[in-house]
Amino acid sequence: MEFRIIKSPSPGTLDILLKRMGPGVGTEAMCTDAVGLVQGRMIEMICAADIAEKAVGVTVGDIKGSCPQNMIMIAIFGDTSSVESAIGEIKLGLEKGK
């Protein structure tokens, strides 16, 4: 899995994410201090989304795209410390699950 955090995402970056999330996605998640991006296999991403939302007050969205290796990506929206905590919890939770 790969992890990245974007602190204070630019309007253009948020626009890219919103378009990749598809129609009908509320823009409330876009009013955020940070975005955590996590990419991996589908089974990992479903577990990661569950861990993140249960651990701290973040919103998780599926980022649609096409990847020949069946990798998918989720975006974690929230304040910087919550996004950092969520990613930390994902790393711990998935390590325990191995």
Protein backbone atom coordinates (compact mmCIF):
# COMPACT_ATOMS: atom_id res chain seq x y z
CA MET A 1 0.00 0.00 0.00
CA GLU A 2 1.01 3.58 -0.55
CA PHE A 3 0.14 6.53 1.69
CA ARG A 4 0.33 10.27 1.08
CA ILE A 5 -1.01 13.28 2.97
CA ILE A 6 -1.76 16.59 1.26
CA LYS A 7 -1.91 19.43 3.78
CA SER A 8 -3.98 22.46 2.74
CA PRO A 9 -4.98 21.00 -0.65
CA SER A 10 -5.35 23.53 -3.45
CA PRO A 11 -8.75 24.16 -5.07
CA GLY A 12 -7.49 22.42 -8.22
CA THR A 13 -6.50 19.31 -6.26
CA LEU A 14 -9.89 19.21 -4.55
CA ASP A 15 -11.57 19.61 -7.94
CA ILE A 16 -9.64 16.61 -9.32
CA LEU A 17 -10.69 14.50 -6.34
CA LEU A 18 -14.32 15.60 -6.57
CA LYS A 19 -14.46 14.69 -10.27
CA ARG A 20 -12.89 11.28 -9.60
CA MET A 21 -15.36 10.58 -6.79
CA GLY A 22 -18.20 10.82 -9.30
CA PRO A 23 -21.61 12.47 -9.37
CA GLY A 24 -23.72 12.79 -6.27
CA VAL A 25 -20.80 13.26 -3.89
CA GLY A 26 -21.41 16.00 -1.37
CA THR A 27 -18.93 18.83 -1.27
CA GLU A 28 -18.92 18.95 2.55
CA ALA A 29 -15.91 16.61 2.58
CA MET A 30 -14.07 19.06 0.35
CA CYS A 31 -14.00 21.74 3.06
CA THR A 32 -10.99 20.21 4.73
CA ASP A 33 -7.52 20.95 6.06
CA ALA A 34 -5.94 17.78 4.73
CA VAL A 35 -6.50 14.82 2.43
CA GLY A 36 -4.94 11.44 3.02
CA LEU A 37 -4.56 9.28 -0.06
CA VAL A 38 -4.24 5.52 0.35
CA GLN A 39 -3.80 3.15 -2.57
CA GLY A 40 -3.83 -0.62 -2.46
CA ARG A 41 -5.85 -3.73 -3.20
CA MET A 42 -9.62 -3.56 -2.83
CA ILE A 43 -9.74 -5.74 0.27
CA GLU A 44 -7.18 -3.50 1.96
CA MET A 45 -9.00 -0.31 0.98
CA ILE A 46 -12.36 -1.48 2.35
CA CYS A 47 -10.70 -2.39 5.65
CA ALA A 48 -8.71 0.86 5.64
CA ALA A 49 -11.86 2.95 5.14
CA ASP A 50 -13.57 1.18 8.02
CA ILE A 51 -10.57 1.62 10.32
CA ALA A 52 -10.20 5.32 9.47
CA GLU A 53 -13.84 6.23 10.04
CA LYS A 54 -14.03 4.28 13.31
CA ALA A 55 -10.75 5.69 14.66
CA VAL A 56 -11.25 9.43 14.23
CA GLY A 57 -13.66 12.03 12.85
CA VAL A 58 -12.81 11.77 9.17
CA THR A 59 -14.79 11.19 5.99
CA VAL A 60 -13.62 8.58 3.51
CA GLY A 61 -14.39 8.55 -0.21
CA ASP A 62 -13.59 6.17 -3.06
CA ILE A 63 -11.45 7.69 -5.80
CA LYS A 64 -12.43 6.12 -9.10
CA GLY A 65 -9.90 5.40 -11.79
CA SER A 66 -8.52 2.57 -13.84
CA CYS A 67 -5.46 0.62 -12.94
CA PRO A 68 -4.37 -2.60 -14.59
CA GLN A 69 -3.10 -4.00 -11.29
CA ASN A 70 -6.55 -3.81 -9.65
CA MET A 71 -5.36 -1.13 -7.26
CA ILE A 72 -7.87 1.33 -5.90
CA MET A 73 -7.55 4.52 -3.92
CA ILE A 74 -9.44 6.11 -1.08
CA ALA A 75 -9.28 9.70 0.11
CA ILE A 76 -9.52 10.57 3.79
CA PHE A 77 -10.83 14.08 4.43
CA GLY A 78 -10.51 15.95 7.71
CA ASP A 79 -8.30 18.20 9.77
CA THR A 80 -4.59 17.48 9.53
CA SER A 81 -4.18 15.73 12.88
CA SER A 82 -7.25 13.53 12.27
CA VAL A 83 -6.04 12.50 8.81
CA GLU A 84 -2.58 11.72 10.21
CA SER A 85 -4.16 9.71 13.04
CA ALA A 86 -6.43 7.83 10.62
CA ILE A 87 -3.47 6.82 8.45
CA GLY A 88 -1.54 5.73 11.53
CA GLU A 89 -4.48 3.62 12.66
CA ILE A 90 -4.79 2.07 9.19
CA LYS A 91 -1.12 1.07 9.27
CA LEU A 92 -1.50 -0.45 12.73
CA GLY A 93 -4.81 -2.15 11.99
CA LEU A 94 -3.71 -3.74 8.74
CA GLU A 95 -0.43 -4.88 10.30
CA LYS A 96 -2.38 -6.66 13.08
CA GLY A 97 -4.62 -8.30 10.48
CA LYS A 98 -1.71 -10.03 8.73
